[in-house]
Amino acid sequence: HPDTAARAIGAGLRALHDALPVDDCPFSWGVADRTARLSPDARARVGDVPAVDRLVVCHGDPCAPNTLLDDGGRWTAHVDLDALGVADRWADLAVASYSLEWNYGDGHEPAFFEGYGIAPDAGRIAFYRHLWDLG
């Protein structure tokens, strides 16, 4: 049930973003830190960074398989948190919604954004997907 999973992934990411204290997180997943790890060629192709919408503790690898669901299709946990760090929430939202296509096929992004409780932001999504692809 891809839409059920997409909605739960969105809800789980929202729970993570709302629960973890930004000021207590010693790690960064922000644009400056991520681009510093890119090759000079890739760094030159990053483009204009959008203004931060909301700083949160991001998962860092919010692809669909890194959210665990129970038998009823509800979010229960996150795994693979080695890239966790403070960043704009769109760094996670763009990649999590991107991964739905890889894992479930087209058409499930509306359920994801409904589960998170936000309307898609095309500009931020495009930027953070591009940054993901460069990395």
N, C-alpha and C. Protein backbone atom coordinates (compact mmCIF):
# COMPACT_ATOMS: atom_id res chain seq x y z
N HIS A 1 0.83 -1.18 0.00
CA HIS A 1 0.00 0.00 0.00
C HIS A 1 0.89 1.25 0.00
N PRO A 2 1.36 1.64 -1.17
CA PRO A 2 2.32 2.75 -1.26
C PRO A 2 1.84 4.07 -0.66
N ASP A 3 0.58 4.44 -0.85
CA ASP A 3 0.11 5.70 -0.28
C ASP A 3 0.09 5.64 1.24
N THR A 4 -0.27 4.50 1.79
CA THR A 4 -0.23 4.33 3.25
C THR A 4 1.19 4.49 3.75
N ALA A 5 2.12 3.85 3.08
CA ALA A 5 3.53 3.95 3.46
C ALA A 5 4.03 5.38 3.31
N ALA A 6 3.71 6.03 2.22
CA ALA A 6 4.16 7.41 1.98
C ALA A 6 3.64 8.35 3.06
N ARG A 7 2.38 8.19 3.42
CA ARG A 7 1.78 9.02 4.47
C ARG A 7 2.49 8.77 5.81
N ALA A 8 2.78 7.52 6.11
CA ALA A 8 3.45 7.18 7.37
C ALA A 8 4.88 7.69 7.39
N ILE A 9 5.56 7.63 6.26
CA ILE A 9 6.93 8.17 6.18
C ILE A 9 6.91 9.67 6.45
N GLY A 10 5.95 10.37 5.87
CA GLY A 10 5.80 11.80 6.14
C GLY A 10 5.52 12.08 7.61
N ALA A 11 4.62 11.31 8.21
CA ALA A 11 4.28 11.50 9.62
C ALA A 11 5.49 11.21 10.50
N GLY A 12 6.24 10.18 10.17
CA GLY A 12 7.42 9.83 10.95
C GLY A 12 8.50 10.90 10.87
N LEU A 13 8.68 11.44 9.69
CA LEU A 13 9.68 12.51 9.53
C LEU A 13 9.26 13.76 10.30
N ARG A 14 7.97 14.06 10.28
CA ARG A 14 7.46 15.20 11.05
C ARG A 14 7.69 14.98 12.54
N ALA A 15 7.46 13.77 13.01
CA ALA A 15 7.68 13.47 14.43
C ALA A 15 9.15 13.66 14.80
N LEU A 16 10.05 13.20 13.95
CA LEU A 16 11.49 13.38 14.18
C LEU A 16 11.84 14.86 14.22
N HIS A 17 11.38 15.60 13.23
CA HIS A 17 11.69 17.03 13.14
C HIS A 17 11.13 17.82 14.32
N ASP A 18 9.96 17.44 14.79
CA ASP A 18 9.34 18.16 15.90
C ASP A 18 9.93 17.79 17.26
N ALA A 19 10.49 16.59 17.38
CA ALA A 19 10.92 16.10 18.69
C ALA A 19 12.36 16.41 19.06
N LEU A 20 13.26 16.39 18.09
CA LEU A 20 14.67 16.50 18.44
C LEU A 20 15.10 17.96 18.59
N PRO A 21 15.82 18.28 19.66
CA PRO A 21 16.21 19.67 19.93
C PRO A 21 17.41 20.12 19.09
N VAL A 22 17.19 21.08 18.24
CA VAL A 22 18.23 21.62 17.36
C VAL A 22 19.44 22.11 18.16
N ASP A 23 19.20 22.82 19.24
CA ASP A 23 20.30 23.41 20.01
C ASP A 23 21.19 22.37 20.67
N ASP A 24 20.69 21.17 20.88
CA ASP A 24 21.47 20.12 21.52
C ASP A 24 22.15 19.17 20.54
N CYS A 25 21.94 19.36 19.25
CA CYS A 25 22.52 18.46 18.26
C CYS A 25 23.92 18.95 17.86
N PRO A 26 24.93 18.11 18.05
CA PRO A 26 26.30 18.54 17.72
C PRO A 26 26.68 18.34 16.25
N PHE A 27 25.76 17.84 15.45
CA PHE A 27 26.08 17.50 14.06
C PHE A 27 25.36 18.45 13.10
N SER A 28 25.95 18.62 11.92
CA SER A 28 25.35 19.46 10.89
C SER A 28 25.16 18.64 9.62
N TRP A 29 24.05 18.88 8.96
CA TRP A 29 23.81 18.33 7.63
C TRP A 29 23.43 19.49 6.71
N GLY A 30 23.89 20.68 7.09
CA GLY A 30 23.59 21.89 6.35
C GLY A 30 24.33 21.95 5.03
N VAL A 31 23.90 22.86 4.20
CA VAL A 31 24.45 23.00 2.84
C VAL A 31 25.95 23.25 2.86
N ALA A 32 26.43 24.14 3.71
CA ALA A 32 27.86 24.47 3.74
C ALA A 32 28.70 23.24 4.05
N ASP A 33 28.29 22.47 5.04
CA ASP A 33 29.05 21.27 5.40
C ASP A 33 28.98 20.20 4.31
N ARG A 34 27.82 20.06 3.70
CA ARG A 34 27.67 19.05 2.64
C ARG A 34 28.46 19.43 1.39
N THR A 35 28.42 20.70 1.02
CA THR A 35 29.15 21.10 -0.19
C THR A 35 30.65 21.05 0.03
N ALA A 36 31.11 21.24 1.25
CA ALA A 36 32.55 21.17 1.54
C ALA A 36 33.11 19.77 1.25
N ARG A 37 32.26 18.76 1.29
CA ARG A 37 32.70 17.39 1.03
C ARG A 37 32.62 17.01 -0.45
N LEU A 38 32.10 17.90 -1.28
CA LEU A 38 31.98 17.62 -2.71
C LEU A 38 33.28 17.91 -3.43
N SER A 39 33.41 17.33 -4.61
CA SER A 39 34.55 17.67 -5.46
C SER A 39 34.41 19.13 -5.89
N PRO A 40 35.52 19.77 -6.28
CA PRO A 40 35.42 21.16 -6.75
C PRO A 40 34.44 21.32 -7.91
N ASP A 41 34.41 20.36 -8.83
CA ASP A 41 33.49 20.43 -9.96
C ASP A 41 32.04 20.38 -9.48
N ALA A 42 31.74 19.46 -8.60
CA ALA A 42 30.37 19.35 -8.08
C ALA A 42 30.01 20.59 -7.27
N ARG A 43 30.95 21.09 -6.47
CA ARG A 43 30.71 22.28 -5.66
C ARG A 43 30.32 23.47 -6.54
N ALA A 44 30.93 23.56 -7.70
CA ALA A 44 30.64 24.66 -8.62
C ALA A 44 29.23 24.56 -9.21
N ARG A 45 28.64 23.37 -9.15
CA ARG A 45 27.31 23.15 -9.73
C ARG A 45 26.18 23.16 -8.71
N VAL A 46 26.47 23.51 -7.45
CA VAL A 46 25.44 23.50 -6.41
C VAL A 46 24.32 24.49 -6.71
N GLY A 47 24.65 25.68 -7.11
CA GLY A 47 23.63 26.68 -7.42
C GLY A 47 23.28 27.52 -6.22
N ASP A 48 22.25 28.34 -6.39
CA ASP A 48 21.81 29.27 -5.35
C ASP A 48 21.08 28.51 -4.25
N VAL A 49 21.50 28.74 -3.03
CA VAL A 49 20.92 28.07 -1.86
C VAL A 49 19.66 28.82 -1.43
N PRO A 50 18.55 28.12 -1.31
CA PRO A 50 17.33 28.81 -0.84
C PRO A 50 17.45 29.19 0.63
N ALA A 51 16.69 30.20 1.01
CA ALA A 51 16.64 30.60 2.42
C ALA A 51 16.11 29.43 3.25
N VAL A 52 16.60 29.33 4.48
CA VAL A 52 16.15 28.27 5.37
C VAL A 52 14.69 28.52 5.76
N ASP A 53 13.90 27.48 5.63
CA ASP A 53 12.49 27.52 6.02
C ASP A 53 12.37 27.27 7.53
N ARG A 54 12.93 26.15 7.98
CA ARG A 54 12.90 25.79 9.41
C ARG A 54 14.07 24.85 9.70
N LEU A 55 14.93 25.26 10.61
CA LEU A 55 16.02 24.39 11.03
C LEU A 55 15.48 23.30 11.94
N VAL A 56 15.87 22.06 11.64
CA VAL A 56 15.48 20.90 12.43
C VAL A 56 16.67 19.96 12.51
N VAL A 57 16.56 18.95 13.33
CA VAL A 57 17.52 17.85 13.27
C VAL A 57 17.01 16.93 12.18
N CYS A 58 17.77 16.89 11.09
CA CYS A 58 17.39 16.07 9.93
C CYS A 58 17.89 14.64 10.09
N HIS A 59 17.18 13.73 9.46
CA HIS A 59 17.59 12.33 9.40
C HIS A 59 18.89 12.20 8.63
N GLY A 60 18.97 12.86 7.49
CA GLY A 60 20.17 12.83 6.66
C GLY A 60 20.13 11.80 5.54
N ASP A 61 19.40 10.72 5.73
CA ASP A 61 19.20 9.70 4.69
C ASP A 61 17.77 9.21 4.83
N PRO A 62 16.80 10.10 4.57
CA PRO A 62 15.40 9.79 4.85
C PRO A 62 14.70 8.97 3.77
N CYS A 63 15.43 8.17 3.03
CA CYS A 63 14.83 7.33 2.00
C CYS A 63 13.81 6.38 2.62
N ALA A 64 12.82 6.01 1.86
CA ALA A 64 11.70 5.21 2.36
C ALA A 64 12.12 3.99 3.18
N PRO A 65 13.12 3.21 2.77
CA PRO A 65 13.46 2.02 3.57
C PRO A 65 14.02 2.33 4.96
N ASN A 66 14.36 3.58 5.23
CA ASN A 66 14.91 3.94 6.53
C ASN A 66 13.84 4.38 7.53
N THR A 67 12.59 4.19 7.17
CA THR A 67 11.47 4.41 8.08
C THR A 67 10.77 3.07 8.26
N LEU A 68 10.64 2.64 9.50
CA LEU A 68 9.99 1.36 9.79
C LEU A 68 8.52 1.59 10.11
N LEU A 69 7.68 0.72 9.56
CA LEU A 69 6.24 0.80 9.77
C LEU A 69 5.75 -0.45 10.47
N ASP A 70 4.66 -0.32 11.21
CA ASP A 70 4.07 -1.51 11.83
C ASP A 70 3.11 -2.17 10.85
N ASP A 71 2.49 -3.26 11.26
CA ASP A 71 1.59 -4.00 10.38
C ASP A 71 0.37 -3.20 9.95
N GLY A 72 0.04 -2.16 10.72
CA GLY A 72 -1.09 -1.31 10.37
C GLY A 72 -0.71 -0.14 9.47
N GLY A 73 0.58 -0.07 9.08
CA GLY A 73 1.03 0.99 8.19
C GLY A 73 1.34 2.30 8.89
N ARG A 74 1.62 2.24 10.19
CA ARG A 74 1.96 3.44 10.94
C ARG A 74 3.47 3.50 11.17
N TRP A 75 4.01 4.72 11.19
CA TRP A 75 5.42 4.92 11.47
C TRP A 75 5.73 4.42 12.88
N THR A 76 6.87 3.72 13.02
CA THR A 76 7.30 3.26 14.35
C THR A 76 8.72 3.67 14.69
N ALA A 77 9.61 3.78 13.69
CA ALA A 77 11.01 4.09 14.01
C ALA A 77 11.74 4.53 12.75
N HIS A 78 12.91 5.12 12.98
CA HIS A 78 13.84 5.47 11.91
C HIS A 78 15.12 4.68 12.11
N VAL A 79 15.76 4.29 11.02
CA VAL A 79 17.05 3.60 11.08
C VAL A 79 18.04 4.30 10.17
N ASP A 80 19.31 3.91 10.26
CA ASP A 80 20.39 4.45 9.43
C ASP A 80 20.54 5.96 9.62
N LEU A 81 20.88 6.33 10.84
CA LEU A 81 20.95 7.74 11.21
C LEU A 81 22.36 8.30 11.19
N ASP A 82 23.27 7.70 10.43
CA ASP A 82 24.67 8.16 10.48
C ASP A 82 24.89 9.52 9.85
N ALA A 83 23.94 10.07 9.09
CA ALA A 83 24.08 11.40 8.51
C ALA A 83 23.24 12.44 9.25
N LEU A 84 22.65 12.06 10.39
CA LEU A 84 21.80 12.95 11.17
C LEU A 84 22.51 14.26 11.48
N GLY A 85 21.80 15.36 11.37
CA GLY A 85 22.38 16.66 11.69
C GLY A 85 21.40 17.79 11.44
N VAL A 86 21.75 18.96 11.92
CA VAL A 86 20.90 20.14 11.79
C VAL A 86 20.96 20.67 10.36
N ALA A 87 19.80 20.94 9.82
CA ALA A 87 19.66 21.50 8.46
C ALA A 87 18.23 21.98 8.28
N ASP A 88 17.99 22.62 7.16
CA ASP A 88 16.63 22.99 6.78
C ASP A 88 15.82 21.71 6.60
N ARG A 89 14.60 21.69 7.07
CA ARG A 89 13.78 20.49 6.96
C ARG A 89 13.60 20.02 5.52
N TRP A 90 13.73 20.94 4.56
CA TRP A 90 13.56 20.57 3.16
C TRP A 90 14.68 19.66 2.66
N ALA A 91 15.81 19.64 3.35
CA ALA A 91 16.87 18.69 2.99
C ALA A 91 16.36 17.27 3.15
N ASP A 92 15.58 17.01 4.18
CA ASP A 92 14.96 15.70 4.38
C ASP A 92 13.71 15.52 3.52
N LEU A 93 12.86 16.53 3.50
CA LEU A 93 11.59 16.40 2.78
C LEU A 93 11.81 16.13 1.29
N ALA A 94 12.77 16.81 0.69
CA ALA A 94 13.02 16.63 -0.74
C ALA A 94 13.49 15.21 -1.05
N VAL A 95 14.38 14.69 -0.22
CA VAL A 95 14.94 13.36 -0.48
C VAL A 95 13.95 12.26 -0.13
N ALA A 96 13.24 12.41 0.99
CA ALA A 96 12.25 11.40 1.35
C ALA A 96 11.19 11.27 0.27
N SER A 97 10.69 12.40 -0.23
CA SER A 97 9.67 12.34 -1.28
C SER A 97 10.25 11.84 -2.59
N TYR A 98 11.51 12.15 -2.86
CA TYR A 98 12.23 11.66 -4.05
C TYR A 98 12.30 10.14 -4.03
N SER A 99 12.57 9.58 -2.85
CA SER A 99 12.76 8.14 -2.74
C SER A 99 11.48 7.35 -2.95
N LEU A 100 10.35 7.99 -2.81
CA LEU A 100 9.08 7.28 -3.02
C LEU A 100 9.00 6.72 -4.44
N GLU A 101 9.46 7.49 -5.41
CA GLU A 101 9.44 7.03 -6.80
C GLU A 101 10.33 5.81 -6.97
N TRP A 102 11.52 5.83 -6.34
CA TRP A 102 12.45 4.71 -6.47
C TRP A 102 11.87 3.43 -5.85
N ASN A 103 11.11 3.60 -4.78
CA ASN A 103 10.64 2.45 -4.03
C ASN A 103 9.21 2.02 -4.36
N TYR A 104 8.35 2.96 -4.77
CA TYR A 104 6.94 2.63 -4.98
C TYR A 104 6.40 3.02 -6.34
N GLY A 105 7.16 3.78 -7.13
CA GLY A 105 6.66 4.28 -8.40
C GLY A 105 6.11 5.69 -8.27
N ASP A 106 5.61 6.21 -9.36
CA ASP A 106 5.11 7.59 -9.40
C ASP A 106 3.79 7.76 -8.65
N GLY A 107 3.56 9.00 -8.22
CA GLY A 107 2.24 9.39 -7.74
C GLY A 107 2.00 9.37 -6.25
N HIS A 108 3.02 9.15 -5.43
CA HIS A 108 2.79 9.01 -4.00
C HIS A 108 3.25 10.21 -3.17
N GLU A 109 3.80 11.21 -3.84
CA GLU A 109 4.24 12.40 -3.11
C GLU A 109 3.10 13.13 -2.40
N PRO A 110 1.91 13.26 -2.99
CA PRO A 110 0.83 13.94 -2.26
C PRO A 110 0.54 13.30 -0.90
N ALA A 111 0.55 11.99 -0.83
CA ALA A 111 0.31 11.30 0.45
C ALA A 111 1.42 11.60 1.44
N PHE A 112 2.67 11.64 0.96
CA PHE A 112 3.80 11.96 1.83
C PHE A 112 3.64 13.35 2.44
N PHE A 113 3.40 14.35 1.60
CA PHE A 113 3.28 15.72 2.10
C PHE A 113 2.05 15.89 2.99
N GLU A 114 0.99 15.15 2.71
CA GLU A 114 -0.18 15.14 3.59
C GLU A 114 0.21 14.58 4.96
N GLY A 115 0.96 13.48 4.97
CA GLY A 115 1.39 12.88 6.23
C GLY A 115 2.28 13.80 7.03
N TYR A 116 3.14 14.56 6.36
CA TYR A 116 4.01 15.50 7.06
C TYR A 116 3.21 16.73 7.52
N GLY A 117 2.21 17.11 6.72
CA GLY A 117 1.40 18.28 7.05
C GLY A 117 1.91 19.56 6.46
N ILE A 118 2.40 19.49 5.22
CA ILE A 118 2.95 20.68 4.56
C ILE A 118 2.69 20.58 3.06
N ALA A 119 2.57 21.74 2.42
CA ALA A 119 2.45 21.76 0.96
C ALA A 119 3.86 21.68 0.36
N PRO A 120 4.00 21.02 -0.77
CA PRO A 120 5.32 20.95 -1.42
C PRO A 120 5.83 22.34 -1.79
N ASP A 121 7.15 22.51 -1.71
CA ASP A 121 7.81 23.74 -2.12
C ASP A 121 8.73 23.36 -3.28
N ALA A 122 8.28 23.61 -4.50
CA ALA A 122 8.99 23.13 -5.69
C ALA A 122 10.44 23.61 -5.76
N GLY A 123 10.69 24.86 -5.40
CA GLY A 123 12.05 25.39 -5.47
C GLY A 123 12.99 24.70 -4.49
N ARG A 124 12.56 24.55 -3.25
CA ARG A 124 13.41 23.88 -2.25
C ARG A 124 13.57 22.40 -2.58
N ILE A 125 12.52 21.78 -3.05
CA ILE A 125 12.62 20.37 -3.43
C ILE A 125 13.65 20.20 -4.54
N ALA A 126 13.58 21.02 -5.56
CA ALA A 126 14.52 20.91 -6.68
C ALA A 126 15.96 21.13 -6.20
N PHE A 127 16.18 22.13 -5.35
CA PHE A 127 17.54 22.40 -4.87
C PHE A 127 18.09 21.22 -4.08
N TYR A 128 17.33 20.74 -3.10
CA TYR A 128 17.86 19.69 -2.24
C TYR A 128 17.97 18.34 -2.94
N ARG A 129 17.15 18.09 -3.94
CA ARG A 129 17.34 16.87 -4.76
C ARG A 129 18.59 16.99 -5.60
N HIS A 130 18.83 18.15 -6.14
CA HIS A 130 20.05 18.39 -6.92
C HIS A 130 21.29 18.21 -6.03
N LEU A 131 21.26 18.76 -4.83
CA LEU A 131 22.38 18.60 -3.90
C LEU A 131 22.58 17.13 -3.54
N TRP A 132 21.50 16.40 -3.32
CA TRP A 132 21.57 14.97 -3.05
C TRP A 132 22.25 14.23 -4.21
N ASP A 133 21.82 14.55 -5.41
CA ASP A 133 22.38 13.90 -6.59
C ASP A 133 23.87 14.22 -6.79
N LEU A 134 24.27 15.43 -6.41
CA LEU A 134 25.70 15.80 -6.52
C LEU A 134 26.57 15.02 -5.54
N GLY A 135 25.98 14.69 -4.39
CA GLY A 135 26.74 14.02 -3.34
C GLY A 135 26.88 12.56 -3.57
